[in-house]
C-alpha atoms as a PDB file:
ATOM      1  CA  MET A   1     227.556 108.552  83.784  1.00  0.00           C
ATOM      2  CA  THR A   2     228.639 110.078  87.093  1.00  0.00           C
ATOM      3  CA  ALA A   3     231.684 112.377  87.201  1.00  0.00           C
ATOM      4  CA  PHE A   4     232.363 114.477  90.291  1.00  0.00           C
ATOM      5  CA  GLU A   5     235.681 116.143  89.337  1.00  0.00           C
ATOM      6  CA  PRO A   6     237.198 118.003  86.339  1.00  0.00           C
ATOM      7  CA  SER A   7     239.310 114.932  85.529  1.00  0.00           C
ATOM      8  CA  GLY A   8     236.144 112.827  85.441  1.00  0.00           C
ATOM      9  CA  ASP A   9     234.436 115.365  83.209  1.00  0.00           C
ATOM     10  CA  ALA A  10     237.237 114.921  80.651  1.00  0.00           C
ATOM     11  CA  LEU A  11     237.010 111.116  80.810  1.00  0.00           C
ATOM     12  CA  GLY A  12     233.224 111.137  80.644  1.00  0.00           C
ATOM     13  CA  SER A  13     233.197 113.415  77.599  1.00  0.00           C
ATOM     14  CA  MET A  14     235.687 111.127  75.856  1.00  0.00           C
ATOM     15  CA  ALA A  15     233.442 108.097  76.375  1.00  0.00           C
ATOM     16  CA  ALA A  16     230.264 110.017  75.510  1.00  0.00           C
ATOM     17  CA  LYS A  17     231.727 111.159  72.181  1.00  0.00           C
ATOM     18  CA  GLY A  18     232.590 107.563  71.349  1.00  0.00           C
ATOM     19  CA  ILE A  19     229.076 106.400  72.219  1.00  0.00           C
ATOM     20  CA  LYS A  20     227.417 109.121  70.142  1.00  0.00           C
ATOM     21  CA  GLU A  21     229.650 108.301  67.168  1.00  0.00           C
ATOM     22  CA  ILE A  22     228.469 104.691  67.325  1.00  0.00           C
ATOM     23  CA  ASP A  23     224.780 105.584  67.788  1.00  0.00           C
ATOM     24  CA  SER A  24     223.641 109.182  68.154  1.00  0.00           C
ATOM     25  CA  THR A  25     220.225 108.103  69.457  1.00  0.00           C
ATOM     26  CA  ILE A  26     221.619 106.610  72.686  1.00  0.00           C
ATOM     27  CA  ASN A  27     220.528 108.663  75.686  1.00  0.00           C
ATOM     28  CA  VAL A  28     223.431 109.525  77.976  1.00  0.00           C
ATOM     29  CA  VAL A  29     222.457 111.157  81.283  1.00  0.00           C
ATOM     30  CA  GLY A  30     224.619 112.043  84.228  1.00  0.00           C
ATOM     31  CA  LEU A  31     226.655 114.247  86.506  1.00  0.00           C
ATOM     32  CA  GLY A  32     229.534 116.205  85.036  1.00  0.00           C
ATOM     33  CA  GLY A  33     230.731 119.494  83.598  1.00  0.00           C
ATOM     34  CA  SER A  34     230.876 121.499  80.404  1.00  0.00           C
ATOM     35  CA  LEU A  35     232.943 118.900  78.527  1.00  0.00           C
ATOM     36  CA  MET A  36     230.412 116.130  79.081  1.00  0.00           C
ATOM     37  CA  GLU A  37     227.571 118.497  78.243  1.00  0.00           C
ATOM     38  CA  SER A  38     229.209 119.484  74.946  1.00  0.00           C
ATOM     39  CA  ALA A  39     229.668 115.755  74.178  1.00  0.00           C
ATOM     40  CA  GLY A  40     225.916 115.215  74.357  1.00  0.00           C
ATOM     41  CA  VAL A  41     225.391 114.189  77.991  1.00  0.00           C
ATOM     42  CA  ASN A  42     222.128 115.427  79.518  1.00  0.00           C
ATOM     43  CA  LEU A  43     223.352 116.693  82.867  1.00  0.00           C
ATOM     44  CA  LEU A  44     221.317 116.208  86.023  1.00  0.00           C
ATOM     45  CA  ALA A  45     223.730 118.570  87.794  1.00  0.00           C
ATOM     46  CA  HIS A  46     226.984 120.414  87.124  1.00  0.00           C
ATOM     47  CA  THR A  47     229.616 118.929  89.430  1.00  0.00           C
ATOM     48  CA  THR A  48     233.058 120.177  88.441  1.00  0.00           C
ATOM     49  CA  LYS A  49     233.207 123.874  89.360  1.00  0.00           C
ATOM     50  CA  GLU A  50     232.861 123.355  93.108  1.00  0.00           C
ATOM     51  CA  ALA A  51     235.274 120.421  92.988  1.00  0.00           C
ATOM     52  CA  ALA A  52     237.964 122.502  91.310  1.00  0.00           C
ATOM     53  CA  MET A  53     237.726 125.117  94.051  1.00  0.00           C
ATOM     54  CA  GLY A  54     238.986 122.634  96.624  1.00  0.00           C
ATOM     55  CA  VAL A  55     236.334 123.273  99.294  1.00  0.00           C
ATOM     56  CA  GLY A  56     236.689 122.094 102.894  1.00  0.00           C
ATOM     57  CA  ALA A  57     236.085 118.481 103.920  1.00  0.00           C
ATOM     58  CA  ILE A  58     232.662 119.002 105.515  1.00  0.00           C
ATOM     59  CA  THR A  59     231.429 121.050 102.558  1.00  0.00           C
ATOM     60  CA  GLU A  60     232.742 118.402 100.157  1.00  0.00           C
ATOM     61  CA  ILE A  61     230.926 115.596 102.008  1.00  0.00           C
ATOM     62  CA  LYS A  62     227.671 117.569 101.832  1.00  0.00           C
ATOM     63  CA  ARG A  63     228.239 118.283  98.124  1.00  0.00           C
ATOM     64  CA  ILE A  64     228.781 114.603  97.317  1.00  0.00           C
ATOM     65  CA  LYS A  65     225.758 113.496  99.368  1.00  0.00           C
ATOM     66  CA  ARG A  66     223.525 116.011  97.579  1.00  0.00           C
ATOM     67  CA  LEU A  67     224.715 114.821  94.165  1.00  0.00           C
ATOM     68  CA  VAL A  68     224.372 111.131  95.051  1.00  0.00           C
ATOM     69  CA  ASP A  69     220.783 111.828  96.154  1.00  0.00           C
ATOM     70  CA  VAL A  70     220.060 113.501  92.807  1.00  0.00           C
ATOM     71  CA  VAL A  71     221.448 110.665  90.695  1.00  0.00           C
ATOM     72  CA  GLY A  72     220.025 108.009  93.019  1.00  0.00           C
ATOM     73  CA  LYS A  73     216.482 109.281  92.519  1.00  0.00           C
ATOM     74  CA  TRP A  74     217.029 109.363  88.751  1.00  0.00           C
ATOM     75  CA  ILE A  75     218.332 105.768  88.695  1.00  0.00           C
ATOM     76  CA  ALA A  76     215.374 104.581  90.785  1.00  0.00           C
ATOM     77  CA  SER A  77     212.894 106.211  88.397  1.00  0.00           C
ATOM     78  CA  ASN A  78     214.568 105.425  85.066  1.00  0.00           C
ATOM     79  CA  LYS A  79     216.429 102.095  85.571  1.00  0.00           C
ATOM     80  CA  PRO A  80     219.257 102.808  83.085  1.00  0.00           C
ATOM     81  CA  ASP A  81     220.807  99.931  81.118  1.00  0.00           C
ATOM     82  CA  VAL A  82     224.280 100.667  82.459  1.00  0.00           C
ATOM     83  CA  VAL A  83     225.748 103.051  85.029  1.00  0.00           C
ATOM     84  CA  VAL A  84     229.283 104.322  84.359  1.00  0.00           C
ATOM     85  CA  ALA A  85     231.127 105.389  87.512  1.00  0.00           C
ATOM     86  CA  VAL A  86     233.658 107.934  86.238  1.00  0.00           C
ATOM     87  CA  ASP A  87     236.789 108.446  88.353  1.00  0.00           C
ATOM     88  CA  SER A  88     236.287 109.573  92.031  1.00  0.00           C
ATOM     89  CA  PRO A  89     235.808 106.134  93.632  1.00  0.00           C
ATOM     90  CA  ALA A  90     234.878 107.472  97.089  1.00  0.00           C
ATOM     91  CA  ALA A  91     232.025 109.518  95.617  1.00  0.00           C
ATOM     92  CA  ASN A  92     230.971 106.770  93.211  1.00  0.00           C
ATOM     93  CA  TRP A  93     230.727 103.824  95.640  1.00  0.00           C
ATOM     94  CA  PRO A  94     227.287 105.010  96.896  1.00  0.00           C
ATOM     95  CA  VAL A  95     226.155 105.428  93.263  1.00  0.00           C
ATOM     96  CA  CYS A  96     227.294 101.877  92.453  1.00  0.00           C
ATOM     97  CA  LYS A  97     225.380 100.557  95.468  1.00  0.00           C
ATOM     98  CA  ILE A  98     222.179 102.282  94.336  1.00  0.00           C
ATOM     99  CA  ALA A  99     222.656 101.065  90.748  1.00  0.00           C
ATOM    100  CA  LYS A 100     223.089  97.445  91.855  1.00  0.00           C
ATOM    101  CA  LYS A 101     220.019  97.736  94.104  1.00  0.00           C
ATOM    102  CA  HIS A 102     217.978  98.567  90.991  1.00  0.00           C
ATOM    103  CA  GLY A 103     219.500  95.807  88.844  1.00  0.00           C
ATOM    104  CA  CYS A 104     221.765  97.993  86.689  1.00  0.00           C
ATOM    105  CA  ASN A 105     225.078  96.922  85.212  1.00  0.00           C
ATOM    106  CA  VAL A 106     227.987  98.984  86.620  1.00  0.00           C
ATOM    107  CA  VAL A 107     231.190  99.795  84.737  1.00  0.00           C
ATOM    108  CA  HIS A 108     234.091 101.901  86.068  1.00  0.00           C
ATOM    109  CA  LEU A 109     235.932 104.496  84.004  1.00  0.00           C
ATOM    110  CA  ALA A 110     238.689 104.475  85.127  1.00  0.00           C
ATOM    111  CA  ALA A 111     240.090 101.921  87.548  1.00  0.00           C
ATOM    112  CA  PRO A 112     240.195 103.089  91.166  1.00  0.00           C
ATOM    113  CA  GLN A 113     243.862 102.968  92.174  1.00  0.00           C
ATOM    114  CA  LEU A 114     243.297 100.274  94.786  1.00  0.00           C
ATOM    115  CA  TRP A 115     246.722  98.827  93.957  1.00  0.00           C
ATOM    116  CA  ALA A 116     248.293 102.013  95.400  1.00  0.00           C
ATOM    117  CA  TRP A 117     246.433 102.558  98.652  1.00  0.00           C
ATOM    118  CA  ALA A 118     243.535 100.197  99.403  1.00  0.00           C
ATOM    119  CA  PRO A 119     243.919  96.661  97.973  1.00  0.00           C
ATOM    120  CA  TRP A 120     241.400  95.307 100.518  1.00  0.00           C
ATOM    121  CA  ARG A 121     238.620  97.297  98.811  1.00  0.00           C
ATOM    122  CA  ILE A 122     238.667  94.910  95.865  1.00  0.00           C
ATOM    123  CA  LYS A 123     235.987  92.848  97.670  1.00  0.00           C
ATOM    124  CA  LYS A 124     233.665  95.853  97.741  1.00  0.00           C
ATOM    125  CA  MET A 125     234.402  96.616  94.103  1.00  0.00           C
ATOM    126  CA  LYS A 126     233.631  93.051  92.988  1.00  0.00           C
ATOM    127  CA  ARG A 127     230.331  93.195  94.868  1.00  0.00           C
ATOM    128  CA  LEU A 128     229.258  96.518  93.352  1.00  0.00           C
ATOM    129  CA  SER A 129     230.757  96.352  89.839  1.00  0.00           C
ATOM    130  CA  ASP A 130     230.682  94.303  86.643  1.00  0.00           C
ATOM    131  CA  HIS A 131     233.750  95.587  84.815  1.00  0.00           C
ATOM    132  CA  VAL A 132     236.552  98.136  85.087  1.00  0.00           C
ATOM    133  CA  MET A 133     238.172 100.076  82.237  1.00  0.00           C
ATOM    134  CA  CYS A 134     241.857 100.674  82.952  1.00  0.00           C
ATOM    135  CA  LEU A 135     243.977 103.619  81.818  1.00  0.00           C
ATOM    136  CA  LEU A 136     247.323 102.188  82.933  1.00  0.00           C
ATOM    137  CA  PRO A 137     248.747  99.135  81.149  1.00  0.00           C
ATOM    138  CA  PHE A 138     249.663  97.174  84.297  1.00  0.00           C
ATOM    139  CA  GLU A 139     246.212  97.513  85.915  1.00  0.00           C
ATOM    140  CA  PRO A 140     244.237  94.740  84.133  1.00  0.00           C
ATOM    141  CA  ASP A 141     246.580  92.022  85.429  1.00  0.00           C
ATOM    142  CA  TRP A 142     246.222  93.363  88.980  1.00  0.00           C
ATOM    143  CA  PHE A 143     242.413  93.398  88.851  1.00  0.00           C
ATOM    144  CA  GLU A 144     241.974  90.168  86.876  1.00  0.00           C
ATOM    145  CA  SER A 145     244.228  88.256  89.287  1.00  0.00           C
ATOM    146  CA  ARG A 146     241.827  89.270  92.053  1.00  0.00           C
ATOM    147  CA  GLY A 147     238.691  88.240  90.179  1.00  0.00           C
ATOM    148  CA  MET A 148     237.639  91.667  88.864  1.00  0.00           C
ATOM    149  CA  PRO A 149     237.111  91.693  85.060  1.00  0.00           C
ATOM    150  CA  ALA A 150     239.153  94.495  83.507  1.00  0.00           C
ATOM    151  CA  THR A 151     240.127  95.967  80.129  1.00  0.00           C
ATOM    152  CA  PHE A 152     242.984  98.313  79.183  1.00  0.00           C
ATOM    153  CA  ILE A 153     241.570 101.007  76.865  1.00  0.00           C
ATOM    154  CA  GLY A 154     244.528 103.381  76.568  1.00  0.00           C
ATOM    155  CA  HIS A 155     244.427 106.964  77.849  1.00  0.00           C
ATOM    156  CA  PRO A 156     243.186 110.216  76.248  1.00  0.00           C
ATOM    157  CA  ALA A 157     246.348 111.994  77.407  1.00  0.00           C
ATOM    158  CA  MET A 158     248.387 109.606  75.248  1.00  0.00           C
ATOM    159  CA  VAL A 159     246.607 110.435  71.985  1.00  0.00           C
ATOM    160  CA  LYS A 160     248.795 112.594  69.747  1.00  0.00           C
ATOM    161  CA  GLN A 161     247.470 116.152  69.504  1.00  0.00           C
ATOM    162  CA  GLU A 162     248.072 119.104  67.224  1.00  0.00           C
ATOM    163  CA  VAL A 163     251.089 121.319  67.918  1.00  0.00           C
ATOM    164  CA  LYS A 164     250.602 124.979  67.002  1.00  0.00           C
ATOM    165  CA  ASP A 165     252.926 127.924  66.428  1.00  0.00           C
ATOM    166  CA  LEU A 166     252.410 130.147  69.483  1.00  0.00           C
ATOM    167  CA  ASN A 167     255.541 132.236  68.982  1.00  0.00           C
ATOM    168  CA  LEU A 168     256.827 131.472  72.472  1.00  0.00           C
ATOM    169  CA  PRO A 169     260.103 133.078  73.627  1.00  0.00           C
ATOM    170  CA  ASN A 170     263.268 131.039  73.152  1.00  0.00           C
ATOM    171  CA  GLY A 171     265.389 130.737  76.248  1.00  0.00           C
ATOM    172  CA  GLU A 172     268.280 128.605  77.350  1.00  0.00           C
ATOM    173  CA  PRO A 173     266.595 126.652  78.894  1.00  0.00           C
ATOM    174  CA  ASN A 174     262.799 126.799  78.404  1.00  0.00           C
ATOM    175  CA  ILE A 175     260.925 125.753  81.562  1.00  0.00           C
ATOM    176  CA  VAL A 176     257.242 124.697  81.759  1.00  0.00           C
ATOM    177  CA  LEU A 177     255.417 125.008  85.089  1.00  0.00           C
ATOM    178  CA  LEU A 178     252.462 122.639  85.536  1.00  0.00           C
ATOM    179  CA  PRO A 179     250.788 123.461  88.882  1.00  0.00           C
ATOM    180  CA  GLY A 180     247.592 121.381  88.684  1.00  0.00           C
ATOM    181  CA  SER A 181     243.945 122.417  88.610  1.00  0.00           C
ATOM    182  CA  ARG A 182     242.459 122.507  92.095  1.00  0.00           C
ATOM    183  CA  LYS A 183     242.746 125.827  93.924  1.00  0.00           C
ATOM    184  CA  SER A 184     244.383 124.118  96.913  1.00  0.00           C
ATOM    185  CA  GLU A 185     247.050 122.300  94.869  1.00  0.00           C
ATOM    186  CA  ILE A 186     247.855 125.415  92.826  1.00  0.00           C
ATOM    187  CA  LYS A 187     248.233 127.410  96.045  1.00  0.00           C
ATOM    188  CA  LYS A 188     250.770 124.906  97.388  1.00  0.00           C
ATOM    189  CA  ASN A 189     252.603 123.793  94.243  1.00  0.00           C
ATOM    190  CA  LEU A 190     252.926 126.877  92.064  1.00  0.00           C
ATOM    191  CA  PRO A 191     254.904 128.881  94.688  1.00  0.00           C
ATOM    192  CA  LEU A 192     257.141 125.818  95.104  1.00  0.00           C
ATOM    193  CA  GLN A 193     257.687 125.682  91.346  1.00  0.00           C
ATOM    194  CA  GLN A 194     258.340 129.434  91.258  1.00  0.00           C
ATOM    195  CA  ALA A 195     261.038 129.033  93.925  1.00  0.00           C
ATOM    196  CA  ILE A 196     262.667 126.256  91.880  1.00  0.00           C
ATOM    197  CA  LEU A 197     262.491 128.436  88.778  1.00  0.00           C
ATOM    198  CA  SER A 198     264.146 131.358  90.608  1.00  0.00           C
ATOM    199  CA  ARG A 199     267.100 129.153  91.476  1.00  0.00           C
ATOM    200  CA  ILE A 200     267.346 127.946  87.856  1.00  0.00           C
ATOM    201  CA  CYS A 201     267.322 131.572  86.667  1.00  0.00           C
ATOM    202  CA  LEU A 202     270.223 132.421  88.988  1.00  0.00           C
ATOM    203  CA  GLU A 203     272.348 129.731  87.343  1.00  0.00           C
ATOM    204  CA  HIS A 204     270.925 130.266  83.836  1.00  0.00           C
ATOM    205  CA  PRO A 205     270.073 133.984  83.330  1.00  0.00           C
ATOM    206  CA  THR A 206     268.731 133.333  79.807  1.00  0.00           C
ATOM    207  CA  THR A 207     265.943 131.051  81.109  1.00  0.00           C
ATOM    208  CA  GLU A 208     262.412 131.535  79.787  1.00  0.00           C
ATOM    209  CA  ALA A 209     259.368 130.029  81.514  1.00  0.00           C
ATOM    210  CA  VAL A 210     255.602 129.784  81.098  1.00  0.00           C
ATOM    211  CA  ILE A 211     252.768 128.323  83.145  1.00  0.00           C
ATOM    212  CA  ALA A 212     250.498 125.865  81.330  1.00  0.00           C
ATOM    213  CA  CYS A 213     246.973 125.100  82.516  1.00  0.00           C
ATOM    214  CA  ARG A 214     243.386 124.648  81.348  1.00  0.00           C
ATOM    215  CA  ALA A 215     241.333 127.735  80.489  1.00  0.00           C
ATOM    216  CA  GLU A 216     239.037 127.193  83.485  1.00  0.00           C
ATOM    217  CA  ASP A 217     242.064 127.232  85.820  1.00  0.00           C
ATOM    218  CA  VAL A 218     243.565 130.551  84.663  1.00  0.00           C
ATOM    219  CA  GLU A 219     241.878 132.673  87.344  1.00  0.00           C
ATOM    220  CA  ARG A 220     243.111 130.290  90.054  1.00  0.00           C
ATOM    221  CA  VAL A 221     246.654 130.470  88.660  1.00  0.00           C
ATOM    222  CA  LYS A 222     246.893 134.263  88.266  1.00  0.00           C
ATOM    223  CA  PRO A 223     247.469 135.145  91.962  1.00  0.00           C
ATOM    224  CA  TYR A 224     250.624 132.980  91.991  1.00  0.00           C
ATOM    225  CA  ALA A 225     251.902 133.652  88.465  1.00  0.00           C
ATOM    226  CA  ASN A 226     254.501 136.321  89.367  1.00  0.00           C
ATOM    227  CA  ASP A 227     254.073 137.918  85.922  1.00  0.00           C
ATOM    228  CA  LEU A 228     254.890 134.686  84.080  1.00  0.00           C
ATOM    229  CA  GLN A 229     252.943 134.128  80.880  1.00  0.00           C
ATOM    230  CA  ILE A 230     249.985 131.763  81.361  1.00  0.00           C
ATOM    231  CA  ILE A 231     249.208 129.547  78.363  1.00  0.00           C
ATOM    232  CA  ALA A 232     245.740 127.945  78.450  1.00  0.00           C
ATOM    233  CA  ASP A 233     244.620 124.794  76.632  1.00  0.00           C
ATOM    234  CA  GLU A 234     247.779 124.488  74.527  1.00  0.00           C
ATOM    235  CA  LEU A 235     249.677 121.835  76.471  1.00  0.00           C
ATOM    236  CA  PRO A 236     251.092 119.822  73.504  1.00  0.00           C
ATOM    237  CA  THR A 237     252.563 122.992  71.987  1.00  0.00           C
ATOM    238  CA  VAL A 238     254.020 124.216  75.279  1.00  0.00           C
ATOM    239  CA  LEU A 239     255.547 120.821  76.042  1.00  0.00           C
ATOM    240  CA  GLY A 240     257.101 120.723  72.574  1.00  0.00           C
ATOM    241  CA  TRP A 241     258.683 124.101  73.335  1.00  0.00           C
ATOM    242  CA  GLY A 242     259.926 123.159  76.812  1.00  0.00           C
ATOM    243  CA  ASP A 243     263.309 121.732  77.732  1.00  0.00           C
ATOM    244  CA  LEU A 244     262.168 120.740  81.244  1.00  0.00           C
ATOM    245  CA  ALA A 245     258.740 120.505  82.891  1.00  0.00           C
ATOM    246  CA  LEU A 246     258.136 121.006  86.607  1.00  0.00           C
ATOM    247  CA  SER A 247     254.965 118.964  86.988  1.00  0.00           C
ATOM    248  CA  VAL A 248     252.571 117.991  89.729  1.00  0.00           C
ATOM    249  CA  SER A 249     251.566 114.341  89.821  1.00  0.00           C
ATOM    250  CA  GLY A 250     248.449 113.086  88.087  1.00  0.00           C
ATOM    251  CA  THR A 251     247.217 112.930  84.498  1.00  0.00           C
ATOM    252  CA  VAL A 252     249.286 115.927  83.412  1.00  0.00           C
ATOM    253  CA  SER A 253     252.441 113.818  83.853  1.00  0.00           C
ATOM    254  CA  LEU A 254     251.140 111.512  81.105  1.00  0.00           C
ATOM    255  CA  HIS A 255     250.803 114.481  78.747  1.00  0.00           C
ATOM    256  CA  VAL A 256     254.452 115.290  79.494  1.00  0.00           C
ATOM    257  CA  MET A 257     255.403 111.655  78.921  1.00  0.00           C
ATOM    258  CA  ASN A 258     253.553 111.600  75.599  1.00  0.00           C
ATOM    259  CA  ALA A 259     255.498 114.666  74.451  1.00  0.00           C
ATOM    260  CA  GLY A 260     258.813 113.145  75.563  1.00  0.00           C
ATOM    261  CA  THR A 261     259.656 116.273  77.557  1.00  0.00           C
ATOM    262  CA  PRO A 262     262.099 115.727  80.445  1.00  0.00           C
ATOM    263  CA  MET A 263     260.403 116.452  83.759  1.00  0.00           C
ATOM    264  CA  ILE A 264     260.563 116.447  87.523  1.00  0.00           C
ATOM    265  CA  GLY A 265     257.442 115.326  89.401  1.00  0.00           C
ATOM    266  CA  MET A 266     256.375 116.954  92.668  1.00  0.00           C
ATOM    267  CA  TYR A 267     253.349 117.375  94.882  1.00  0.00           C
ATOM    268  CA  LYS A 268     253.546 119.607  97.941  1.00  0.00           C
ATOM    269  CA  VAL A 269     251.208 118.780 100.823  1.00  0.00           C
ATOM    270  CA  ASN A 270     250.890 119.706 104.484  1.00  0.00           C
ATOM    271  CA  PRO A 271     252.814 117.621 107.072  1.00  0.00           C
ATOM    272  CA  LEU A 272     249.734 115.633 108.148  1.00  0.00           C
ATOM    273  CA  SER A 273     248.921 114.656 104.554  1.00  0.00           C
ATOM    274  CA  MET A 274     252.549 113.681 103.989  1.00  0.00           C
ATOM    275  CA  LEU A 275     252.462 111.380 107.011  1.00  0.00           C
ATOM    276  CA  GLY A 276     249.187 109.844 105.836  1.00  0.00           C
ATOM    277  CA  SER A 277     250.593 109.276 102.348  1.00  0.00           C
ATOM    278  CA  LYS A 278     253.630 107.458 103.693  1.00  0.00           C
ATOM    279  CA  ILE A 279     251.385 105.173 105.734  1.00  0.00           C
ATOM    280  CA  MET A 280     248.704 104.556 103.071  1.00  0.00           C
ATOM    281  CA  LEU A 281     250.546 104.424  99.754  1.00  0.00           C
ATOM    282  CA  THR A 282     251.966 100.994  98.990  1.00  0.00           C
ATOM    283  CA  THR A 283     253.767 101.508  95.662  1.00  0.00           C
ATOM    284  CA  PRO A 284     257.495 102.338  95.314  1.00  0.00           C
ATOM    285  CA  TYR A 285     256.640 105.166  92.881  1.00  0.00           C
ATOM    286  CA  ARG A 286     253.902 107.807  92.737  1.00  0.00           C
ATOM    287  CA  LEU A 287     254.413 109.476  89.344  1.00  0.00           C
ATOM    288  CA  LEU A 288     252.527 107.754  86.521  1.00  0.00           C
ATOM    289  CA  PRO A 289     255.452 107.496  84.042  1.00  0.00           C
ATOM    290  CA  ASN A 290     257.511 105.718  86.709  1.00  0.00           C
ATOM    291  CA  LEU A 291     254.602 103.424  87.592  1.00  0.00           C
ATOM    292  CA  ILE A 292     254.152 102.511  83.910  1.00  0.00           C
ATOM    293  CA  ALA A 293     257.878 101.889  83.466  1.00  0.00           C
ATOM    294  CA  GLY A 294     258.144  99.917  86.711  1.00  0.00           C
ATOM    295  CA  LYS A 295     261.251 101.906  87.567  1.00  0.00           C
ATOM    296  CA  GLN A 296     262.266 105.519  88.129  1.00  0.00           C
ATOM    297  CA  ILE A 297     262.866 107.201  84.802  1.00  0.00           C
ATOM    298  CA  VAL A 298     261.787 110.618  86.140  1.00  0.00           C
ATOM    299  CA  PRO A 299     262.899 112.219  89.436  1.00  0.00           C
ATOM    300  CA  GLU A 300     259.881 112.465  91.735  1.00  0.00           C
ATOM    301  CA  PHE A 301     259.229 114.230  95.027  1.00  0.00           C
ATOM    302  CA  ILE A 302     255.728 112.985  95.837  1.00  0.00           C
ATOM    303  CA  PRO A 303     254.569 113.925  98.389  1.00  0.00           C
ATOM    304  CA  CYS A 304     256.939 116.656  99.528  1.00  0.00           C
ATOM    305  CA  GLY A 305     257.229 119.631 101.836  1.00  0.00           C
ATOM    306  CA  ASN A 306     258.959 122.931 101.252  1.00  0.00           C
ATOM    307  CA  ILE A 307     262.089 121.495  99.586  1.00  0.00           C
ATOM    308  CA  SER A 308     262.507 123.832  96.620  1.00  0.00           C
ATOM    309  CA  TYR A 309     266.283 123.861  97.174  1.00  0.00           C
ATOM    310  CA  LYS A 310     266.511 120.064  96.832  1.00  0.00           C
ATOM    311  CA  ILE A 311     264.321 119.930  93.718  1.00  0.00           C
ATOM    312  CA  ALA A 312     266.186 122.893  92.209  1.00  0.00           C
ATOM    313  CA  ASP A 313     269.508 121.084  92.718  1.00  0.00           C
ATOM    314  CA  ASN A 314     268.030 118.127  90.862  1.00  0.00           C
ATOM    315  CA  ALA A 315     266.779 120.372  88.050  1.00  0.00           C
ATOM    316  CA  LEU A 316     270.180 122.036  87.669  1.00  0.00           C
ATOM    317  CA  ASP A 317     271.898 118.653  87.549  1.00  0.00           C
ATOM    318  CA  LEU A 318     269.547 117.566  84.755  1.00  0.00           C
ATOM    319  CA  LEU A 319     269.989 120.782  82.767  1.00  0.00           C
ATOM    320  CA  SER A 320     273.756 120.429  82.913  1.00  0.00           C
ATOM    321  CA  ASP A 321     273.767 116.856  81.589  1.00  0.00           C
ATOM    322  CA  ASN A 322     272.575 116.444  77.998  1.00  0.00           C
ATOM    323  CA  GLU A 323     273.176 112.693  78.139  1.00  0.00           C
ATOM    324  CA  ILE A 324     270.745 112.183  81.045  1.00  0.00           C
ATOM    325  CA  MET A 325     268.155 114.502  79.463  1.00  0.00           C
ATOM    326  CA  THR A 326     268.369 112.600  76.156  1.00  0.00           C
ATOM    327  CA  LYS A 327     268.046 109.276  77.953  1.00  0.00           C
ATOM    328  CA  MET A 328     264.930 110.492  79.802  1.00  0.00           C
ATOM    329  CA  ARG A 329     263.328 111.690  76.545  1.00  0.00           C
ATOM    330  CA  LYS A 330     263.971 108.331  74.876  1.00  0.00           C
ATOM    331  CA  GLU A 331     262.623 106.337  77.812  1.00  0.00           C
ATOM    332  CA  LEU A 332     259.487 108.462  78.139  1.00  0.00           C
ATOM    333  CA  LEU A 333     258.726 107.984  74.446  1.00  0.00           C
ATOM    334  CA  ALA A 334     259.603 104.283  74.548  1.00  0.00           C
ATOM    335  CA  TYR A 335     257.177 103.509  77.390  1.00  0.00           C
ATOM    336  CA  SER A 336     254.542 105.676  75.667  1.00  0.00           C
ATOM    337  CA  GLN A 337     254.457 103.023  72.931  1.00  0.00           C
ATOM    338  CA  GLU A 338     252.288 100.832  75.183  1.00  0.00           C
ATOM    339  CA  TYR A 339     249.448 103.214  74.260  1.00  0.00           C
ATOM    340  CA  LYS A 340     250.194 103.345  70.533  1.00  0.00           C
ATOM    341  CA  ASN A 341     247.459 101.055  69.187  1.00  0.00           C
ATOM    342  CA  HIS A 342     244.653 102.166  71.496  1.00  0.00           C
ATOM    343  CA  SER A 343     241.751 104.508  70.803  1.00  0.00           C
ATOM    344  CA  PRO A 344     240.348 105.212  74.288  1.00  0.00           C
ATOM    345  CA  SER A 345     237.167 106.935  73.101  1.00  0.00           C
ATOM    346  CA  VAL A 346     236.186 104.025  70.850  1.00  0.00           C
ATOM    347  CA  GLU A 347     237.258 101.322  73.299  1.00  0.00           C
ATOM    348  CA  ALA A 348     235.457 102.947  76.236  1.00  0.00           C
ATOM    349  CA  ALA A 349     232.261 103.298  74.185  1.00  0.00           C
ATOM    350  CA  GLU A 350     232.382  99.683  72.992  1.00  0.00           C
ATOM    351  CA  CYS A 351     232.916  98.399  76.518  1.00  0.00           C
ATOM    352  CA  ILE A 352     230.037 100.467  77.932  1.00  0.00           C
ATOM    353  CA  LEU A 353     227.635  99.455  75.150  1.00  0.00           C
ATOM    354  CA  LYS A 354     228.492  95.790  75.651  1.00  0.00           C
ATOM    355  CA  PHE A 355     227.050  96.097  79.165  1.00  0.00           C
ATOM    356  CA  ALA A 356     224.067  98.101  77.898  1.00  0.00           C
ATOM    357  CA  GLU A 357     222.918  95.358  75.527  1.00  0.00           C
END
């Protein structure tokens, strides 16, 4: 099981727990972080801390090459029954190639988003893979229609989680800031969200706000927190408290969707990255709830530059219109129902073990 990023560590741990629940004697080895390790994966190397720091491109290439060498030597010596490429397609393609060279079955968790930016790579995927586990409900049709066997397994972000009493302050409104996890994205997006919040506070002096993140991201968030309270590892509770979430794109937007909290999606990048995104990305939407719905139910500014004024205007319009906010809540919860009857941990484990037989 090869995970190169914090998001992959979470997915890998989910699948590993499911496998161990089915048969605790199965040996799961791989690359990952503390979550996979706590789920019973014997790690060949810890991969997530450096990834979360957002190192430079050259350093990242060297990091990936070193890790691929480590896992490649292990595959050559041990010939595992199945290799699970977790997230990070660019890093995992070389692993898949090595696995196929040694006669291993290869399963992806989760589907590389080829439908968004690189549909031509489906040929490479079919050559190097046996199956793909999809986290978005529209993905299996896309892959199957191109000859790549696929299964929708649900998503761990869409599993209902416990809401606690954290005694958070009650404002009118309550705003949740969700700045991401990588150092580079926090550095760009949290100041943008703070600027939007400042404008909201001018119009609504009774506003309360908190920043929500994972515990391992707290130190990266602190320099940009501006004395706002940082709540770690309590996202369901914070989203239940919030009236509006200012969220970066990615998996966190599914957590917001699952809670039915109205949101605005954003992702600030530099001008060169924005130009590249406009050329490469082929979908009409970028935010996952909009992709799942097949229409815009949430305002999104992805990618964007320094347009806090424009996003703030949008936020103020939402906060002043209860009818639109209620409609967004209902639609988010309605489209969440596509995940209702799925248990991603169990389904991922069953799919992996099918290819390990």
